[in-house]
PDB file of N, CA and C in Angstrom:
ATOM      1  N   UNK A   1      -4.233  68.364 -93.793  1.00  0.00           N
ATOM      2  CA  UNK A   1      -3.689  67.352 -94.663  1.00  0.00           C
ATOM      3  C   UNK A   1      -2.298  66.956 -94.196  1.00  0.00           C
ATOM      4  N   UNK A   2      -2.089  65.719 -93.777  1.00  0.00           N
ATOM      5  CA  UNK A   2      -0.745  65.304 -93.406  1.00  0.00           C
ATOM      6  C   UNK A   2       0.170  65.301 -94.626  1.00  0.00           C
ATOM      7  N   UNK A   3       1.431  65.624 -94.418  1.00  0.00           N
ATOM      8  CA  UNK A   3       2.386  65.699 -95.525  1.00  0.00           C
ATOM      9  C   UNK A   3       3.197  64.415 -95.626  1.00  0.00           C
ATOM     10  N   UNK A   4       3.606  64.103 -96.849  1.00  0.00           N
ATOM     11  CA  UNK A   4       4.515  62.999 -97.129  1.00  0.00           C
ATOM     12  C   UNK A   4       5.707  63.611 -97.841  1.00  0.00           C
ATOM     13  N   UNK A   5       6.895  63.513 -97.235  1.00  0.00           N
ATOM     14  CA  UNK A   5       8.101  64.091 -97.844  1.00  0.00           C
ATOM     15  C   UNK A   5       7.894  65.549 -98.229  1.00  0.00           C
ATOM     16  N   UNK A   6       7.190  66.304 -97.400  1.00  0.00           N
ATOM     17  CA  UNK A   6       6.973  67.713 -97.671  1.00  0.00           C
ATOM     18  C   UNK A   6       5.828  67.993 -98.638  1.00  0.00           C
ATOM     19  N   UNK A   7       5.235  66.944 -99.191  1.00  0.00           N
ATOM     20  CA  UNK A   7       4.101  67.120-100.105  1.00  0.00           C
ATOM     21  C   UNK A   7       2.817  66.764 -99.373  1.00  0.00           C
ATOM     22  N   UNK A   8       1.766  67.532 -99.569  1.00  0.00           N
ATOM     23  CA  UNK A   8       0.510  67.189 -98.890  1.00  0.00           C
ATOM     24  C   UNK A   8      -0.068  65.886 -99.438  1.00  0.00           C
ATOM     25  N   UNK A   9      -0.655  65.104 -98.555  1.00  0.00           N
ATOM     26  CA  UNK A   9      -1.386  63.909 -98.984  1.00  0.00           C
ATOM     27  C   UNK A   9      -2.714  64.403 -99.531  1.00  0.00           C
ATOM     28  N   UNK A  10      -2.972  64.108-100.756  1.00  0.00           N
ATOM     29  CA  UNK A  10      -4.134  64.658-101.434  1.00  0.00           C
ATOM     30  C   UNK A  10      -5.212  63.605-101.665  1.00  0.00           C
ATOM     31  N   UNK A  11      -6.462  64.073-101.831  1.00  0.00           N
ATOM     32  CA  UNK A  11      -7.554  63.201-102.207  1.00  0.00           C
ATOM     33  C   UNK A  11      -7.477  62.892-103.693  1.00  0.00           C
ATOM     34  N   UNK A  12      -8.072  61.802-104.096  1.00  0.00           N
ATOM     35  CA  UNK A  12      -8.053  61.393-105.498  1.00  0.00           C
ATOM     36  C   UNK A  12      -9.462  61.055-105.981  1.00  0.00           C
ATOM     37  N   UNK A  13      -9.766  61.480-107.189  1.00  0.00           N
ATOM     38  CA  UNK A  13     -10.966  61.040-107.885  1.00  0.00           C
ATOM     39  C   UNK A  13     -10.501  60.478-109.221  1.00  0.00           C
ATOM     40  N   UNK A  14     -10.844  59.213-109.465  1.00  0.00           N
ATOM     41  CA  UNK A  14     -10.492  58.556-110.722  1.00  0.00           C
ATOM     42  C   UNK A  14     -11.770  58.390-111.538  1.00  0.00           C
ATOM     43  N   UNK A  15     -11.860  59.136-112.602  1.00  0.00           N
ATOM     44  CA  UNK A  15     -13.000  59.115-113.503  1.00  0.00           C
ATOM     45  C   UNK A  15     -12.762  58.050-114.571  1.00  0.00           C
ATOM     46  N   UNK A  16     -13.814  57.358-114.969  1.00  0.00           N
ATOM     47  CA  UNK A  16     -13.698  56.396-116.064  1.00  0.00           C
ATOM     48  C   UNK A  16     -14.287  57.041-117.316  1.00  0.00           C
ATOM     49  N   UNK A  17     -13.395  57.344-118.234  1.00  0.00           N
ATOM     50  CA  UNK A  17     -13.789  57.944-119.503  1.00  0.00           C
ATOM     51  C   UNK A  17     -13.801  56.901-120.607  1.00  0.00           C
ATOM     52  N   UNK A  18     -13.419  57.332-121.803  1.00  0.00           N
ATOM     53  CA  UNK A  18     -13.395  56.442-122.966  1.00  0.00           C
ATOM     54  C   UNK A  18     -12.538  57.068-124.046  1.00  0.00           C
ATOM     55  N   UNK A  19     -11.951  56.238-124.875  1.00  0.00           N
ATOM     56  CA  UNK A  19     -11.244  56.741-126.047  1.00  0.00           C
ATOM     57  C   UNK A  19     -12.182  57.613-126.886  1.00  0.00           C
ATOM     58  N   UNK A  20     -13.471  57.329-126.802  1.00  0.00           N
ATOM     59  CA  UNK A  20     -14.456  58.080-127.586  1.00  0.00           C
ATOM     60  C   UNK A  20     -14.577  59.536-127.153  1.00  0.00           C
ATOM     61  N   UNK A  21     -14.071  59.909-125.975  1.00  0.00           N
ATOM     62  CA  UNK A  21     -14.106  61.316-125.573  1.00  0.00           C
ATOM     63  C   UNK A  21     -13.165  62.138-126.433  1.00  0.00           C
ATOM     64  N   UNK A  22     -12.138  61.509-127.000  1.00  0.00           N
ATOM     65  CA  UNK A  22     -11.165  62.216-127.834  1.00  0.00           C
ATOM     66  C   UNK A  22     -11.253  61.832-129.304  1.00  0.00           C
ATOM     67  N   UNK A  23     -11.589  60.570-129.570  1.00  0.00           N
ATOM     68  CA  UNK A  23     -11.675  60.070-130.947  1.00  0.00           C
ATOM     69  C   UNK A  23     -13.003  59.343-131.129  1.00  0.00           C
ATOM     70  N   UNK A  24     -14.091  60.096-131.269  1.00  0.00           N
ATOM     71  CA  UNK A  24     -15.422  59.479-131.319  1.00  0.00           C
ATOM     72  C   UNK A  24     -15.659  58.686-132.597  1.00  0.00           C
ATOM     73  N   UNK A  25     -16.405  57.609-132.426  1.00  0.00           N
ATOM     74  CA  UNK A  25     -16.860  56.812-133.571  1.00  0.00           C
ATOM     75  C   UNK A  25     -18.311  57.188-133.852  1.00  0.00           C
ATOM     76  N   UNK A  26     -18.660  57.232-135.118  1.00  0.00           N
ATOM     77  CA  UNK A  26     -20.008  57.642-135.527  1.00  0.00           C
ATOM     78  C   UNK A  26     -21.098  56.736-134.959  1.00  0.00           C
ATOM     79  N   UNK A  27     -20.774  55.454-134.733  1.00  0.00           N
ATOM     80  CA  UNK A  27     -21.804  54.523-134.256  1.00  0.00           C
ATOM     81  C   UNK A  27     -22.147  54.720-132.779  1.00  0.00           C
ATOM     82  N   UNK A  28     -21.373  55.549-132.078  1.00  0.00           N
ATOM     83  CA  UNK A  28     -21.645  55.819-130.653  1.00  0.00           C
ATOM     84  C   UNK A  28     -21.648  57.322-130.384  1.00  0.00           C
ATOM     85  N   UNK A  29     -22.299  58.074-131.232  1.00  0.00           N
ATOM     86  CA  UNK A  29     -22.275  59.528-131.150  1.00  0.00           C
ATOM     87  C   UNK A  29     -22.734  60.055-129.788  1.00  0.00           C
ATOM     88  N   UNK A  30     -23.865  59.587-129.311  1.00  0.00           N
ATOM     89  CA  UNK A  30     -24.379  60.061-128.018  1.00  0.00           C
ATOM     90  C   UNK A  30     -23.451  59.706-126.877  1.00  0.00           C
ATOM     91  N   UNK A  31     -22.961  58.484-126.866  1.00  0.00           N
ATOM     92  CA  UNK A  31     -22.025  58.027-125.834  1.00  0.00           C
ATOM     93  C   UNK A  31     -20.758  58.872-125.872  1.00  0.00           C
ATOM     94  N   UNK A  32     -20.217  59.083-127.071  1.00  0.00           N
ATOM     95  CA  UNK A  32     -18.987  59.874-127.220  1.00  0.00           C
ATOM     96  C   UNK A  32     -19.192  61.303-126.726  1.00  0.00           C
ATOM     97  N   UNK A  33     -20.339  61.874-127.038  1.00  0.00           N
ATOM     98  CA  UNK A  33     -20.624  63.248-126.606  1.00  0.00           C
ATOM     99  C   UNK A  33     -20.702  63.345-125.085  1.00  0.00           C
ATOM    100  N   UNK A  34     -21.316  62.354-124.445  1.00  0.00           N
ATOM    101  CA  UNK A  34     -21.402  62.407-122.982  1.00  0.00           C
ATOM    102  C   UNK A  34     -20.033  62.187-122.345  1.00  0.00           C
ATOM    103  N   UNK A  35     -19.214  61.341-122.930  1.00  0.00           N
ATOM    104  CA  UNK A  35     -17.860  61.139-122.397  1.00  0.00           C
ATOM    105  C   UNK A  35     -17.009  62.402-122.586  1.00  0.00           C
ATOM    106  N   UNK A  36     -17.177  63.105-123.695  1.00  0.00           N
ATOM    107  CA  UNK A  36     -16.459  64.371-123.904  1.00  0.00           C
ATOM    108  C   UNK A  36     -16.916  65.412-122.885  1.00  0.00           C
ATOM    109  N   UNK A  37     -18.213  65.469-122.630  1.00  0.00           N
ATOM    110  CA  UNK A  37     -18.731  66.408-121.622  1.00  0.00           C
ATOM    111  C   UNK A  37     -18.218  66.048-120.230  1.00  0.00           C
ATOM    112  N   UNK A  38     -18.182  64.769-119.929  1.00  0.00           N
ATOM    113  CA  UNK A  38     -17.668  64.297-118.645  1.00  0.00           C
ATOM    114  C   UNK A  38     -16.196  64.705-118.494  1.00  0.00           C
ATOM    115  N   UNK A  39     -15.422  64.558-119.553  1.00  0.00           N
ATOM    116  CA  UNK A  39     -14.014  64.957-119.534  1.00  0.00           C
ATOM    117  C   UNK A  39     -13.879  66.457-119.264  1.00  0.00           C
ATOM    118  N   UNK A  40     -14.717  67.247-119.894  1.00  0.00           N
ATOM    119  CA  UNK A  40     -14.702  68.693-119.684  1.00  0.00           C
ATOM    120  C   UNK A  40     -15.008  69.020-118.223  1.00  0.00           C
ATOM    121  N   UNK A  41     -15.983  68.344-117.658  1.00  0.00           N
ATOM    122  CA  UNK A  41     -16.342  68.549-116.257  1.00  0.00           C
ATOM    123  C   UNK A  41     -15.179  68.178-115.334  1.00  0.00           C
ATOM    124  N   UNK A  42     -14.532  67.063-115.604  1.00  0.00           N
ATOM    125  CA  UNK A  42     -13.394  66.639-114.780  1.00  0.00           C
ATOM    126  C   UNK A  42     -12.284  67.679-114.840  1.00  0.00           C
ATOM    127  N   UNK A  43     -11.985  68.191-116.024  1.00  0.00           N
ATOM    128  CA  UNK A  43     -10.934  69.207-116.127  1.00  0.00           C
ATOM    129  C   UNK A  43     -11.309  70.477-115.362  1.00  0.00           C
ATOM    130  N   UNK A  44     -12.542  70.888-115.474  1.00  0.00           N
ATOM    131  CA  UNK A  44     -13.003  72.074-114.760  1.00  0.00           C
ATOM    132  C   UNK A  44     -12.896  71.883-113.248  1.00  0.00           C
ATOM    133  N   UNK A  45     -13.353  70.738-112.774  1.00  0.00           N
ATOM    134  CA  UNK A  45     -13.308  70.461-111.346  1.00  0.00           C
ATOM    135  C   UNK A  45     -11.871  70.243-110.866  1.00  0.00           C
ATOM    136  N   UNK A  46     -11.030  69.677-111.715  1.00  0.00           N
ATOM    137  CA  UNK A  46      -9.617  69.494-111.352  1.00  0.00           C
ATOM    138  C   UNK A  46      -8.956  70.839-111.098  1.00  0.00           C
ATOM    139  N   UNK A  47      -9.254  71.794-111.945  1.00  0.00           N
ATOM    140  CA  UNK A  47      -8.688  73.142-111.768  1.00  0.00           C
ATOM    141  C   UNK A  47      -9.170  73.746-110.440  1.00  0.00           C
ATOM    142  N   UNK A  48     -10.451  73.599-110.157  1.00  0.00           N
ATOM    143  CA  UNK A  48     -11.024  74.178-108.947  1.00  0.00           C
ATOM    144  C   UNK A  48     -10.473  73.509-107.683  1.00  0.00           C
ATOM    145  N   UNK A  49     -10.430  72.170-107.671  1.00  0.00           N
ATOM    146  CA  UNK A  49     -10.083  71.445-106.451  1.00  0.00           C
ATOM    147  C   UNK A  49      -8.587  71.240-106.242  1.00  0.00           C
ATOM    148  N   UNK A  50      -7.753  71.519-107.226  1.00  0.00           N
ATOM    149  CA  UNK A  50      -6.313  71.314-107.078  1.00  0.00           C
ATOM    150  C   UNK A  50      -5.771  72.067-105.869  1.00  0.00           C
ATOM    151  N   UNK A  51      -6.199  73.284-105.677  1.00  0.00           N
ATOM    152  CA  UNK A  51      -5.750  74.077-104.542  1.00  0.00           C
ATOM    153  C   UNK A  51      -6.368  73.660-103.226  1.00  0.00           C
ATOM    154  N   UNK A  52      -7.328  72.770-103.268  1.00  0.00           N
ATOM    155  CA  UNK A  52      -8.007  72.289-102.062  1.00  0.00           C
ATOM    156  C   UNK A  52      -7.544  70.883-101.674  1.00  0.00           C
ATOM    157  N   UNK A  53      -6.555  70.373-102.411  1.00  0.00           N
ATOM    158  CA  UNK A  53      -5.993  69.073-102.054  1.00  0.00           C
ATOM    159  C   UNK A  53      -6.667  67.874-102.676  1.00  0.00           C
ATOM    160  N   UNK A  54      -7.442  68.051-103.739  1.00  0.00           N
ATOM    161  CA  UNK A  54      -8.107  66.928-104.401  1.00  0.00           C
ATOM    162  C   UNK A  54      -7.685  66.916-105.870  1.00  0.00           C
ATOM    163  N   UNK A  55      -7.231  65.753-106.324  1.00  0.00           N
ATOM    164  CA  UNK A  55      -6.799  65.595-107.706  1.00  0.00           C
ATOM    165  C   UNK A  55      -7.794  64.726-108.461  1.00  0.00           C
ATOM    166  N   UNK A  56      -8.186  65.186-109.653  1.00  0.00           N
ATOM    167  CA  UNK A  56      -9.133  64.456-110.498  1.00  0.00           C
ATOM    168  C   UNK A  56      -8.452  64.115-111.811  1.00  0.00           C
ATOM    169  N   UNK A  57      -8.467  62.841-112.165  1.00  0.00           N
ATOM    170  CA  UNK A  57      -7.906  62.387-113.427  1.00  0.00           C
ATOM    171  C   UNK A  57      -8.823  61.342-114.035  1.00  0.00           C
ATOM    172  N   UNK A  58      -8.583  61.034-115.296  1.00  0.00           N
ATOM    173  CA  UNK A  58      -9.437  60.124-116.042  1.00  0.00           C
ATOM    174  C   UNK A  58      -8.653  58.949-116.586  1.00  0.00           C
ATOM    175  N   UNK A  59      -9.229  57.778-116.475  1.00  0.00           N
ATOM    176  CA  UNK A  59      -8.746  56.574-117.127  1.00  0.00           C
ATOM    177  C   UNK A  59      -9.676  56.337-118.310  1.00  0.00           C
ATOM    178  N   UNK A  60      -9.129  56.359-119.527  1.00  0.00           N
ATOM    179  CA  UNK A  60      -9.946  56.262-120.740  1.00  0.00           C
ATOM    180  C   UNK A  60      -9.571  55.018-121.543  1.00  0.00           C
ATOM    181  N   UNK A  61     -10.305  53.927-121.370  1.00  0.00           N
ATOM    182  CA  UNK A  61     -10.015  52.715-122.121  1.00  0.00           C
ATOM    183  C   UNK A  61     -10.507  52.797-123.562  1.00  0.00           C
ATOM    184  N   UNK A  62      -9.906  51.951-124.365  1.00  0.00           N
ATOM    185  CA  UNK A  62     -10.451  51.655-125.687  1.00  0.00           C
ATOM    186  C   UNK A  62     -11.439  50.516-125.509  1.00  0.00           C
ATOM    187  N   UNK A  63     -11.442  49.589-126.438  1.00  0.00           N
ATOM    188  CA  UNK A  63     -12.394  48.478-126.340  1.00  0.00           C
ATOM    189  C   UNK A  63     -11.929  47.475-125.287  1.00  0.00           C
ATOM    190  N   UNK A  64     -12.862  47.118-124.410  1.00  0.00           N
ATOM    191  CA  UNK A  64     -12.598  46.178-123.327  1.00  0.00           C
ATOM    192  C   UNK A  64     -13.632  45.055-123.416  1.00  0.00           C
ATOM    193  N   UNK A  65     -13.176  43.841-123.240  1.00  0.00           N
ATOM    194  CA  UNK A  65     -14.050  42.670-123.318  1.00  0.00           C
ATOM    195  C   UNK A  65     -14.842  42.549-122.021  1.00  0.00           C
ATOM    196  N   UNK A  66     -16.001  43.226-121.991  1.00  0.00           N
ATOM    197  CA  UNK A  66     -16.856  43.250-120.800  1.00  0.00           C
ATOM    198  C   UNK A  66     -18.262  42.784-121.165  1.00  0.00           C
ATOM    199  N   UNK A  67     -19.107  42.703-120.164  1.00  0.00           N
ATOM    200  CA  UNK A  67     -20.514  42.354-120.399  1.00  0.00           C
ATOM    201  C   UNK A  67     -21.184  43.349-121.344  1.00  0.00           C
ATOM    202  N   UNK A  68     -20.711  44.601-121.324  1.00  0.00           N
ATOM    203  CA  UNK A  68     -21.289  45.628-122.204  1.00  0.00           C
ATOM    204  C   UNK A  68     -21.151  45.239-123.673  1.00  0.00           C
ATOM    205  N   UNK A  69     -20.089  44.519-124.003  1.00  0.00           N
ATOM    206  CA  UNK A  69     -19.848  44.117-125.384  1.00  0.00           C
ATOM    207  C   UNK A  69     -20.259  42.676-125.672  1.00  0.00           C
ATOM    208  N   UNK A  70     -20.775  41.955-124.687  1.00  0.00           N
ATOM    209  CA  UNK A  70     -21.074  40.532-124.831  1.00  0.00           C
ATOM    210  C   UNK A  70     -22.094  40.250-125.929  1.00  0.00           C
ATOM    211  N   UNK A  71     -23.133  41.077-126.029  1.00  0.00           N
ATOM    212  CA  UNK A  71     -24.166  40.816-127.033  1.00  0.00           C
ATOM    213  C   UNK A  71     -23.574  40.883-128.441  1.00  0.00           C
ATOM    214  N   UNK A  72     -22.775  41.905-128.700  1.00  0.00           N
ATOM    215  CA  UNK A  72     -22.155  42.046-130.017  1.00  0.00           C
ATOM    216  C   UNK A  72     -21.185  40.890-130.284  1.00  0.00           C
ATOM    217  N   UNK A  73     -20.397  40.562-129.293  1.00  0.00           N
ATOM    218  CA  UNK A  73     -19.409  39.491-129.428  1.00  0.00           C
ATOM    219  C   UNK A  73     -20.099  38.149-129.671  1.00  0.00           C
ATOM    220  N   UNK A  74     -21.152  37.860-128.908  1.00  0.00           N
ATOM    221  CA  UNK A  74     -21.845  36.574-129.027  1.00  0.00           C
ATOM    222  C   UNK A  74     -22.710  36.479-130.280  1.00  0.00           C
ATOM    223  N   UNK A  75     -23.220  37.605-130.769  1.00  0.00           N
ATOM    224  CA  UNK A  75     -24.078  37.589-131.960  1.00  0.00           C
ATOM    225  C   UNK A  75     -23.310  37.171-133.204  1.00  0.00           C
ATOM    226  N   UNK A  76     -22.056  37.599-133.305  1.00  0.00           N
ATOM    227  CA  UNK A  76     -21.245  37.266-134.485  1.00  0.00           C
ATOM    228  C   UNK A  76     -19.775  37.247-134.075  1.00  0.00           C
ATOM    229  N   UNK A  77     -19.329  36.129-133.509  1.00  0.00           N
ATOM    230  CA  UNK A  77     -17.951  36.046-133.024  1.00  0.00           C
ATOM    231  C   UNK A  77     -16.897  36.355-134.094  1.00  0.00           C
ATOM    232  N   UNK A  78     -17.126  35.957-135.319  1.00  0.00           N
ATOM    233  CA  UNK A  78     -16.149  36.233-136.382  1.00  0.00           C
ATOM    234  C   UNK A  78     -16.065  37.729-136.668  1.00  0.00           C
ATOM    235  N   UNK A  79     -17.218  38.403-136.697  1.00  0.00           N
ATOM    236  CA  UNK A  79     -17.229  39.853-136.924  1.00  0.00           C
ATOM    237  C   UNK A  79     -16.547  40.567-135.766  1.00  0.00           C
ATOM    238  N   UNK A  80     -16.814  40.101-134.540  1.00  0.00           N
ATOM    239  CA  UNK A  80     -16.176  40.681-133.350  1.00  0.00           C
ATOM    240  C   UNK A  80     -14.661  40.546-133.448  1.00  0.00           C
ATOM    241  N   UNK A  81     -14.189  39.344-133.760  1.00  0.00           N
ATOM    242  CA  UNK A  81     -12.746  39.114-133.872  1.00  0.00           C
ATOM    243  C   UNK A  81     -12.125  40.022-134.928  1.00  0.00           C
ATOM    244  N   UNK A  82     -12.794  40.179-136.049  1.00  0.00           N
ATOM    245  CA  UNK A  82     -12.281  41.057-137.111  1.00  0.00           C
ATOM    246  C   UNK A  82     -12.257  42.515-136.642  1.00  0.00           C
ATOM    247  N   UNK A  83     -13.308  42.946-135.967  1.00  0.00           N
ATOM    248  CA  UNK A  83     -13.376  44.316-135.465  1.00  0.00           C
ATOM    249  C   UNK A  83     -12.240  44.611-134.496  1.00  0.00           C
ATOM    250  N   UNK A  84     -12.061  43.740-133.511  1.00  0.00           N
ATOM    251  CA  UNK A  84     -11.024  44.025-132.511  1.00  0.00           C
ATOM    252  C   UNK A  84      -9.622  43.918-133.106  1.00  0.00           C
ATOM    253  N   UNK A  85      -9.443  43.142-134.155  1.00  0.00           N
ATOM    254  CA  UNK A  85      -8.142  43.096-134.825  1.00  0.00           C
ATOM    255  C   UNK A  85      -7.811  44.434-135.488  1.00  0.00           C
ATOM    256  N   UNK A  86      -8.837  45.160-135.900  1.00  0.00           N
ATOM    257  CA  UNK A  86      -8.635  46.415-136.628  1.00  0.00           C
ATOM    258  C   UNK A  86      -8.667  47.656-135.738  1.00  0.00           C
ATOM    259  N   UNK A  87      -9.241  47.566-134.553  1.00  0.00           N
ATOM    260  CA  UNK A  87      -9.518  48.761-133.749  1.00  0.00           C
ATOM    261  C   UNK A  87      -8.285  49.323-133.040  1.00  0.00           C
ATOM    262  N   UNK A  88      -7.252  48.509-132.857  1.00  0.00           N
ATOM    263  CA  UNK A  88      -6.042  49.016-132.209  1.00  0.00           C
ATOM    264  C   UNK A  88      -4.822  48.252-132.694  1.00  0.00           C
ATOM    265  N   UNK A  89      -3.662  48.738-132.352  1.00  0.00           N
ATOM    266  CA  UNK A  89      -2.412  48.146-132.815  1.00  0.00           C
ATOM    267  C   UNK A  89      -2.171  46.754-132.258  1.00  0.00           C
ATOM    268  N   UNK A  90      -2.716  46.461-131.082  1.00  0.00           N
ATOM    269  CA  UNK A  90      -2.518  45.146-130.481  1.00  0.00           C
ATOM    270  C   UNK A  90      -3.453  44.102-131.080  1.00  0.00           C
ATOM    271  N   UNK A  91      -4.482  44.559-131.775  1.00  0.00           N
ATOM    272  CA  UNK A  91      -5.382  43.641-132.466  1.00  0.00           C
ATOM    273  C   UNK A  91      -6.266  42.800-131.575  1.00  0.00           C
ATOM    274  N   UNK A  92      -6.599  43.328-130.401  1.00  0.00           N
ATOM    275  CA  UNK A  92      -7.473  42.590-129.483  1.00  0.00           C
ATOM    276  C   UNK A  92      -8.149  43.559-128.533  1.00  0.00           C
ATOM    277  N   UNK A  93      -9.207  43.066-127.888  1.00  0.00           N
ATOM    278  CA  UNK A  93      -9.854  43.837-126.824  1.00  0.00           C
ATOM    279  C   UNK A  93      -9.053  43.646-125.540  1.00  0.00           C
ATOM    280  N   UNK A  94      -9.052  44.666-124.703  1.00  0.00           N
ATOM    281  CA  UNK A  94      -8.416  44.556-123.390  1.00  0.00           C
ATOM    282  C   UNK A  94      -9.263  43.680-122.485  1.00  0.00           C
ATOM    283  N   UNK A  95      -8.631  43.143-121.486  1.00  0.00           N
ATOM    284  CA  UNK A  95      -9.347  42.453-120.416  1.00  0.00           C
ATOM    285  C   UNK A  95      -9.547  43.449-119.283  1.00  0.00           C
ATOM    286  N   UNK A  96     -10.642  43.341-118.541  1.00  0.00           N
ATOM    287  CA  UNK A  96     -10.894  44.310-117.472  1.00  0.00           C
ATOM    288  C   UNK A  96      -9.728  44.469-116.500  1.00  0.00           C
ATOM    289  N   UNK A  97      -9.047  43.373-116.165  1.00  0.00           N
ATOM    290  CA  UNK A  97      -7.953  43.492-115.187  1.00  0.00           C
ATOM    291  C   UNK A  97      -6.752  44.256-115.738  1.00  0.00           C
ATOM    292  N   UNK A  98      -6.714  44.513-117.032  1.00  0.00           N
ATOM    293  CA  UNK A  98      -5.635  45.310-117.602  1.00  0.00           C
ATOM    294  C   UNK A  98      -5.809  46.805-117.324  1.00  0.00           C
ATOM    295  N   UNK A  99      -6.927  47.190-116.767  1.00  0.00           N
ATOM    296  CA  UNK A  99      -7.180  48.585-116.403  1.00  0.00           C
ATOM    297  C   UNK A  99      -6.722  48.891-114.976  1.00  0.00           C
ATOM    298  N   UNK A 100      -6.491  47.861-114.197  1.00  0.00           N
ATOM    299  CA  UNK A 100      -6.250  48.013-112.764  1.00  0.00           C
ATOM    300  C   UNK A 100      -4.988  48.815-112.455  1.00  0.00           C
ATOM    301  N   UNK A 101      -3.884  48.519-113.113  1.00  0.00           N
ATOM    302  CA  UNK A 101      -2.621  49.197-112.811  1.00  0.00           C
ATOM    303  C   UNK A 101      -2.717  50.703-112.972  1.00  0.00           C
ATOM    304  N   UNK A 102      -3.309  51.144-114.073  1.00  0.00           N
ATOM    305  CA  UNK A 102      -3.449  52.583-114.308  1.00  0.00           C
ATOM    306  C   UNK A 102      -4.394  53.212-113.283  1.00  0.00           C
ATOM    307  N   UNK A 103      -5.464  52.504-112.942  1.00  0.00           N
ATOM    308  CA  UNK A 103      -6.396  53.029-111.935  1.00  0.00           C
ATOM    309  C   UNK A 103      -5.710  53.165-110.577  1.00  0.00           C
ATOM    310  N   UNK A 104      -4.911  52.174-110.213  1.00  0.00           N
ATOM    311  CA  UNK A 104      -4.181  52.243-108.944  1.00  0.00           C
ATOM    312  C   UNK A 104      -3.178  53.390-108.958  1.00  0.00           C
ATOM    313  N   UNK A 105      -2.494  53.588-110.074  1.00  0.00           N
ATOM    314  CA  UNK A 105      -1.572  54.712-110.179  1.00  0.00           C
ATOM    315  C   UNK A 105      -2.303  56.028-109.958  1.00  0.00           C
ATOM    316  N   UNK A 106      -3.436  56.222-110.632  1.00  0.00           N
ATOM    317  CA  UNK A 106      -4.178  57.475-110.506  1.00  0.00           C
ATOM    318  C   UNK A 106      -4.682  57.706-109.084  1.00  0.00           C
ATOM    319  N   UNK A 107      -4.901  56.641-108.346  1.00  0.00           N
ATOM    320  CA  UNK A 107      -5.399  56.761-106.968  1.00  0.00           C
ATOM    321  C   UNK A 107      -4.277  56.816-105.933  1.00  0.00           C
ATOM    322  N   UNK A 108      -3.038  56.710-106.376  1.00  0.00           N
ATOM    323  CA  UNK A 108      -1.924  56.562-105.442  1.00  0.00           C
ATOM    324  C   UNK A 108      -1.138  57.851-105.219  1.00  0.00           C
ATOM    325  N   UNK A 109      -0.233  57.781-104.259  1.00  0.00           N
ATOM    326  CA  UNK A 109       0.677  58.893-104.002  1.00  0.00           C
ATOM    327  C   UNK A 109       1.674  59.077-105.149  1.00  0.00           C
ATOM    328  N   UNK A 110       1.851  58.061-105.989  1.00  0.00           N
ATOM    329  CA  UNK A 110       2.738  58.195-107.152  1.00  0.00           C
ATOM    330  C   UNK A 110       2.190  59.207-108.156  1.00  0.00           C
ATOM    331  N   UNK A 111       0.926  59.544-108.013  1.00  0.00           N
ATOM    332  CA  UNK A 111       0.256  60.491-108.915  1.00  0.00           C
ATOM    333  C   UNK A 111       0.002  61.818-108.197  1.00  0.00           C
ATOM    334  N   UNK A 112       0.993  62.292-107.455  1.00  0.00           N
ATOM    335  CA  UNK A 112       0.789  63.467-106.608  1.00  0.00           C
ATOM    336  C   UNK A 112       0.913  64.801-107.335  1.00  0.00           C
ATOM    337  N   UNK A 113       1.376  64.792-108.581  1.00  0.00           N
ATOM    338  CA  UNK A 113       1.546  66.051-109.313  1.00  0.00           C
ATOM    339  C   UNK A 113       0.856  65.968-110.670  1.00  0.00           C
ATOM    340  N   UNK A 114      -0.330  65.398-110.676  1.00  0.00           N
ATOM    341  CA  UNK A 114      -1.091  65.215-111.910  1.00  0.00           C
ATOM    342  C   UNK A 114      -2.557  65.453-111.601  1.00  0.00           C
ATOM    343  N   UNK A 115      -3.181  66.352-112.332  1.00  0.00           N
ATOM    344  CA  UNK A 115      -4.606  66.576-112.186  1.00  0.00           C
ATOM    345  C   UNK A 115      -5.181  67.082-113.490  1.00  0.00           C
ATOM    346  N   UNK A 116      -6.419  66.697-113.774  1.00  0.00           N
ATOM    347  CA  UNK A 116      -7.080  67.117-115.008  1.00  0.00           C
ATOM    348  C   UNK A 116      -6.565  66.408-116.239  1.00  0.00           C
ATOM    349  N   UNK A 117      -5.873  65.304-116.051  1.00  0.00           N
ATOM    350  CA  UNK A 117      -5.258  64.587-117.159  1.00  0.00           C
ATOM    351  C   UNK A 117      -5.991  63.283-117.457  1.00  0.00           C
ATOM    352  N   UNK A 118      -5.649  62.701-118.587  1.00  0.00           N
ATOM    353  CA  UNK A 118      -6.248  61.449-119.019  1.00  0.00           C
ATOM    354  C   UNK A 118      -5.161  60.453-119.385  1.00  0.00           C
ATOM    355  N   UNK A 119      -5.321  59.229-118.905  1.00  0.00           N
ATOM    356  CA  UNK A 119      -4.489  58.114-119.358  1.00  0.00           C
ATOM    357  C   UNK A 119      -5.354  57.288-120.299  1.00  0.00           C
ATOM    358  N   UNK A 120      -4.916  57.171-121.543  1.00  0.00           N
ATOM    359  CA  UNK A 120      -5.613  56.371-122.543  1.00  0.00           C
ATOM    360  C   UNK A 120      -5.016  54.970-122.560  1.00  0.00           C
ATOM    361  N   UNK A 121      -5.843  53.953-122.340  1.00  0.00           N
ATOM    362  CA  UNK A 121      -5.436  52.551-122.432  1.00  0.00           C
ATOM    363  C   UNK A 121      -6.211  51.941-123.590  1.00  0.00           C
ATOM    364  N   UNK A 122      -5.625  52.012-124.760  1.00  0.00           N
ATOM    365  CA  UNK A 122      -6.355  51.672-125.978  1.00  0.00           C
ATOM    366  C   UNK A 122      -5.749  50.525-126.779  1.00  0.00           C
ATOM    367  N   UNK A 123      -4.612  50.019-126.380  1.00  0.00           N
ATOM    368  CA  UNK A 123      -3.938  49.018-127.195  1.00  0.00           C
ATOM    369  C   UNK A 123      -3.205  49.637-128.368  1.00  0.00           C
ATOM    370  N   UNK A 124      -3.066  50.954-128.343  1.00  0.00           N
ATOM    371  CA  UNK A 124      -2.378  51.687-129.415  1.00  0.00           C
ATOM    372  C   UNK A 124      -3.340  52.160-130.488  1.00  0.00           C
ATOM    373  N   UNK A 125      -2.946  53.224-131.128  1.00  0.00           N
ATOM    374  CA  UNK A 125      -3.704  53.741-132.265  1.00  0.00           C
ATOM    375  C   UNK A 125      -4.828  54.639-131.981  1.00  0.00           C
TER     376      UNK A 125
END
């Protein structure tokens, strides 16, 4: 592993989690359970691989305006707008490109002393 400023250049794994791994909603019980299990796996593997030069961290978004949510949004736009106003402090769904900065940080040398952690991008709350 080549060193940068005396620190080894490490491998990175950026896992995509969900706010539901920590604060599950009843309407997505199965999804929340799998995201919690995924988080547990990432932490376990982060502990194992840290000494081998690989860092594993998680990016956990809240609600994001993606194709995954399109059916709900299109079925009742007024209900969707009301839901996203209540789900976080910013009162809106994130846009996919709002996840990029945190993902780049987790994959970069700026994240050289972080492993097994989660960055929550939820709009607050």
